[in-house]
């Protein structure tokens, strides 16, 4: 549970900003979106497969970029 203690001379706007920052840092919104609807085991596996594919694609493109930069400098 995220809590924000209001300072003595602190305005409500700044306290609300601090609260939003703490909630985002704790990952409450992401968890809430994830649990909004029931996800079947098949859907969960598909989602994880897509995430793995994206991660592999990003890492491959990063290595290609660094390899191209190192060969072009020679």
N, C-alpha and C. Protein backbone atom coordinates (compact mmCIF):
# COMPACT_ATOMS: atom_id res chain seq x y z
N UNK A 1 0.84 -1.17 0.00
CA UNK A 1 0.00 0.00 0.00
C UNK A 1 0.88 1.24 0.00
N UNK A 2 0.62 2.14 -0.91
CA UNK A 2 1.40 3.36 -1.04
C UNK A 2 0.77 4.45 -0.20
N UNK A 3 1.62 5.11 0.58
CA UNK A 3 1.14 6.20 1.42
C UNK A 3 2.01 7.43 1.21
N UNK A 4 1.38 8.59 1.31
CA UNK A 4 2.10 9.85 1.24
C UNK A 4 1.63 10.69 2.42
N UNK A 5 2.58 11.08 3.25
CA UNK A 5 2.26 11.92 4.40
C UNK A 5 2.37 13.37 3.98
N UNK A 6 1.32 14.12 4.23
CA UNK A 6 1.26 15.52 3.83
C UNK A 6 2.12 16.35 4.78
N UNK A 7 3.02 17.15 4.20
CA UNK A 7 3.87 18.02 5.00
C UNK A 7 3.08 19.15 5.62
N UNK A 8 3.71 19.85 6.54
CA UNK A 8 3.00 20.91 7.27
C UNK A 8 2.52 22.03 6.35
N UNK A 9 3.40 22.52 5.49
CA UNK A 9 3.04 23.62 4.58
C UNK A 9 2.98 23.15 3.13
N UNK A 10 2.72 21.87 2.93
CA UNK A 10 2.71 21.32 1.58
C UNK A 10 1.32 21.41 0.96
N UNK A 11 1.28 21.79 -0.30
CA UNK A 11 0.01 21.88 -0.99
C UNK A 11 -0.48 20.51 -1.43
N UNK A 12 -1.77 20.42 -1.71
CA UNK A 12 -2.37 19.15 -2.12
C UNK A 12 -1.86 18.73 -3.50
N UNK A 13 -1.53 19.71 -4.35
CA UNK A 13 -1.05 19.39 -5.70
C UNK A 13 0.30 18.67 -5.64
N UNK A 14 1.20 19.16 -4.82
CA UNK A 14 2.51 18.51 -4.73
C UNK A 14 2.41 17.14 -4.07
N UNK A 15 1.51 17.01 -3.10
CA UNK A 15 1.31 15.70 -2.47
C UNK A 15 0.72 14.71 -3.47
N UNK A 16 -0.19 15.18 -4.31
CA UNK A 16 -0.78 14.32 -5.33
C UNK A 16 0.27 13.89 -6.35
N UNK A 17 1.17 14.81 -6.74
CA UNK A 17 2.27 14.46 -7.65
C UNK A 17 3.18 13.41 -7.03
N UNK A 18 3.51 13.58 -5.74
CA UNK A 18 4.35 12.59 -5.06
C UNK A 18 3.65 11.23 -4.99
N UNK A 19 2.33 11.25 -4.73
CA UNK A 19 1.57 10.00 -4.67
C UNK A 19 1.58 9.29 -6.03
N UNK A 20 1.34 10.03 -7.09
CA UNK A 20 1.35 9.44 -8.43
C UNK A 20 2.71 8.85 -8.76
N UNK A 21 3.78 9.54 -8.38
CA UNK A 21 5.13 9.05 -8.63
C UNK A 21 5.39 7.76 -7.85
N UNK A 22 4.95 7.70 -6.60
CA UNK A 22 5.13 6.49 -5.78
C UNK A 22 4.34 5.31 -6.34
N UNK A 23 3.13 5.57 -6.81
CA UNK A 23 2.29 4.51 -7.39
C UNK A 23 2.93 3.98 -8.66
N UNK A 24 3.46 4.87 -9.50
CA UNK A 24 4.11 4.45 -10.73
C UNK A 24 5.37 3.66 -10.41
N UNK A 25 6.13 4.09 -9.41
CA UNK A 25 7.36 3.41 -9.04
C UNK A 25 7.08 2.01 -8.48
N UNK A 26 5.96 1.87 -7.77
CA UNK A 26 5.59 0.58 -7.17
C UNK A 26 5.02 -0.39 -8.21
N UNK A 27 4.63 0.11 -9.38
CA UNK A 27 4.11 -0.75 -10.44
C UNK A 27 2.66 -1.16 -10.23
N UNK A 28 1.91 -0.36 -9.51
CA UNK A 28 0.52 -0.70 -9.20
C UNK A 28 -0.35 -0.63 -10.45
N UNK A 29 -0.15 0.38 -11.29
CA UNK A 29 -0.98 0.52 -12.50
C UNK A 29 -0.76 -0.64 -13.46
N UNK A 30 0.50 -1.05 -13.65
CA UNK A 30 0.78 -2.16 -14.56
C UNK A 30 0.12 -3.43 -14.04
N UNK A 31 0.19 -3.65 -12.74
CA UNK A 31 -0.41 -4.84 -12.14
C UNK A 31 -1.93 -4.80 -12.28
N UNK A 32 -2.51 -3.62 -12.10
CA UNK A 32 -3.96 -3.47 -12.21
C UNK A 32 -4.42 -3.77 -13.64
N UNK A 33 -3.68 -3.26 -14.64
CA UNK A 33 -4.05 -3.52 -16.03
C UNK A 33 -3.92 -5.00 -16.36
N UNK A 34 -2.88 -5.63 -15.82
CA UNK A 34 -2.64 -7.03 -16.11
C UNK A 34 -3.74 -7.91 -15.53
N UNK A 35 -4.27 -7.54 -14.37
CA UNK A 35 -5.27 -8.36 -13.69
C UNK A 35 -6.69 -7.92 -13.95
N UNK A 36 -6.88 -7.00 -14.89
CA UNK A 36 -8.22 -6.48 -15.16
C UNK A 36 -9.15 -7.58 -15.68
N UNK A 37 -8.63 -8.45 -16.56
CA UNK A 37 -9.41 -9.54 -17.12
C UNK A 37 -8.67 -10.84 -16.89
N UNK A 38 -9.43 -11.93 -16.82
CA UNK A 38 -8.80 -13.23 -16.64
C UNK A 38 -8.05 -13.61 -17.91
N UNK A 39 -6.86 -14.15 -17.72
CA UNK A 39 -6.04 -14.55 -18.84
C UNK A 39 -5.87 -16.07 -18.79
N UNK A 40 -6.30 -16.74 -19.85
CA UNK A 40 -6.17 -18.20 -19.87
C UNK A 40 -4.70 -18.58 -19.99
N UNK A 41 -4.34 -19.81 -19.63
CA UNK A 41 -2.95 -20.22 -19.76
C UNK A 41 -2.43 -20.11 -21.19
N UNK A 42 -3.29 -20.38 -22.19
CA UNK A 42 -2.88 -20.27 -23.58
C UNK A 42 -2.57 -18.81 -23.93
N UNK A 43 -3.43 -17.89 -23.49
CA UNK A 43 -3.19 -16.47 -23.76
C UNK A 43 -1.92 -15.99 -23.07
N UNK A 44 -1.67 -16.48 -21.85
CA UNK A 44 -0.47 -16.10 -21.12
C UNK A 44 0.77 -16.57 -21.85
N UNK A 45 0.75 -17.80 -22.37
CA UNK A 45 1.90 -18.34 -23.10
C UNK A 45 2.13 -17.57 -24.39
N UNK A 46 1.04 -17.20 -25.09
CA UNK A 46 1.18 -16.41 -26.31
C UNK A 46 1.78 -15.04 -26.02
N UNK A 47 1.32 -14.40 -24.94
CA UNK A 47 1.83 -13.09 -24.57
C UNK A 47 3.32 -13.17 -24.24
N UNK A 48 3.71 -14.20 -23.51
CA UNK A 48 5.12 -14.35 -23.16
C UNK A 48 5.97 -14.66 -24.39
N UNK A 49 5.42 -15.44 -25.34
CA UNK A 49 6.16 -15.75 -26.57
C UNK A 49 6.39 -14.48 -27.39
N UNK A 50 5.39 -13.64 -27.46
CA UNK A 50 5.52 -12.37 -28.20
C UNK A 50 6.57 -11.49 -27.52
N UNK A 51 6.56 -11.46 -26.19
CA UNK A 51 7.53 -10.65 -25.46
C UNK A 51 8.95 -11.18 -25.69
N UNK A 52 9.11 -12.51 -25.69
CA UNK A 52 10.43 -13.09 -25.95
C UNK A 52 10.90 -12.73 -27.36
N UNK A 53 9.98 -12.82 -28.33
CA UNK A 53 10.32 -12.49 -29.71
C UNK A 53 10.77 -11.04 -29.82
N UNK A 54 10.05 -10.12 -29.17
CA UNK A 54 10.42 -8.70 -29.22
C UNK A 54 11.78 -8.49 -28.58
N UNK A 55 12.03 -9.14 -27.43
CA UNK A 55 13.30 -8.96 -26.75
C UNK A 55 14.45 -9.49 -27.59
N UNK A 56 14.27 -10.66 -28.22
CA UNK A 56 15.31 -11.22 -29.08
C UNK A 56 15.56 -10.33 -30.29
N UNK A 57 14.50 -9.79 -30.86
CA UNK A 57 14.63 -8.91 -32.01
C UNK A 57 15.42 -7.65 -31.65
N UNK A 58 15.12 -7.07 -30.47
CA UNK A 58 15.84 -5.87 -30.03
C UNK A 58 17.31 -6.16 -29.83
N UNK A 59 17.62 -7.28 -29.20
CA UNK A 59 19.03 -7.58 -28.92
C UNK A 59 19.78 -7.88 -30.22
N UNK A 60 19.14 -8.56 -31.16
CA UNK A 60 19.80 -8.84 -32.44
C UNK A 60 20.07 -7.55 -33.20
N UNK A 61 19.11 -6.64 -33.22
CA UNK A 61 19.31 -5.39 -33.95
C UNK A 61 20.39 -4.55 -33.28
N UNK A 62 20.49 -4.61 -31.96
CA UNK A 62 21.53 -3.86 -31.25
C UNK A 62 22.91 -4.40 -31.63
N UNK A 63 23.06 -5.72 -31.66
CA UNK A 63 24.36 -6.30 -32.01
C UNK A 63 24.72 -6.03 -33.47
N UNK A 64 23.71 -6.00 -34.33
CA UNK A 64 23.98 -5.67 -35.73
C UNK A 64 24.48 -4.24 -35.85
N UNK A 65 23.87 -3.32 -35.10
CA UNK A 65 24.29 -1.93 -35.14
C UNK A 65 25.72 -1.79 -34.67
N UNK A 66 26.06 -2.42 -33.54
CA UNK A 66 27.41 -2.28 -33.01
C UNK A 66 28.43 -2.96 -33.93
N UNK A 67 28.04 -4.07 -34.56
CA UNK A 67 28.96 -4.73 -35.49
C UNK A 67 29.19 -3.87 -36.73
N UNK A 68 28.16 -3.24 -37.23
CA UNK A 68 28.31 -2.37 -38.40
C UNK A 68 29.15 -1.15 -38.07
N UNK A 69 29.00 -0.60 -36.90
CA UNK A 69 29.77 0.58 -36.52
C UNK A 69 31.25 0.23 -36.34
N UNK A 70 31.52 -0.93 -35.80
CA UNK A 70 32.93 -1.29 -35.57
C UNK A 70 33.64 -1.64 -36.88
N UNK A 71 32.94 -2.23 -37.86
CA UNK A 71 33.59 -2.58 -39.14
C UNK A 71 33.73 -1.34 -40.02
N UNK A 72 32.85 -0.38 -39.90
CA UNK A 72 32.94 0.82 -40.75
C UNK A 72 34.06 1.75 -40.29
N UNK A 73 34.48 1.65 -39.02
CA UNK A 73 35.54 2.51 -38.51
C UNK A 73 36.91 2.06 -38.96
N UNK A 74 37.06 0.84 -39.42
CA UNK A 74 38.37 0.31 -39.79
C UNK A 74 38.79 0.74 -41.17
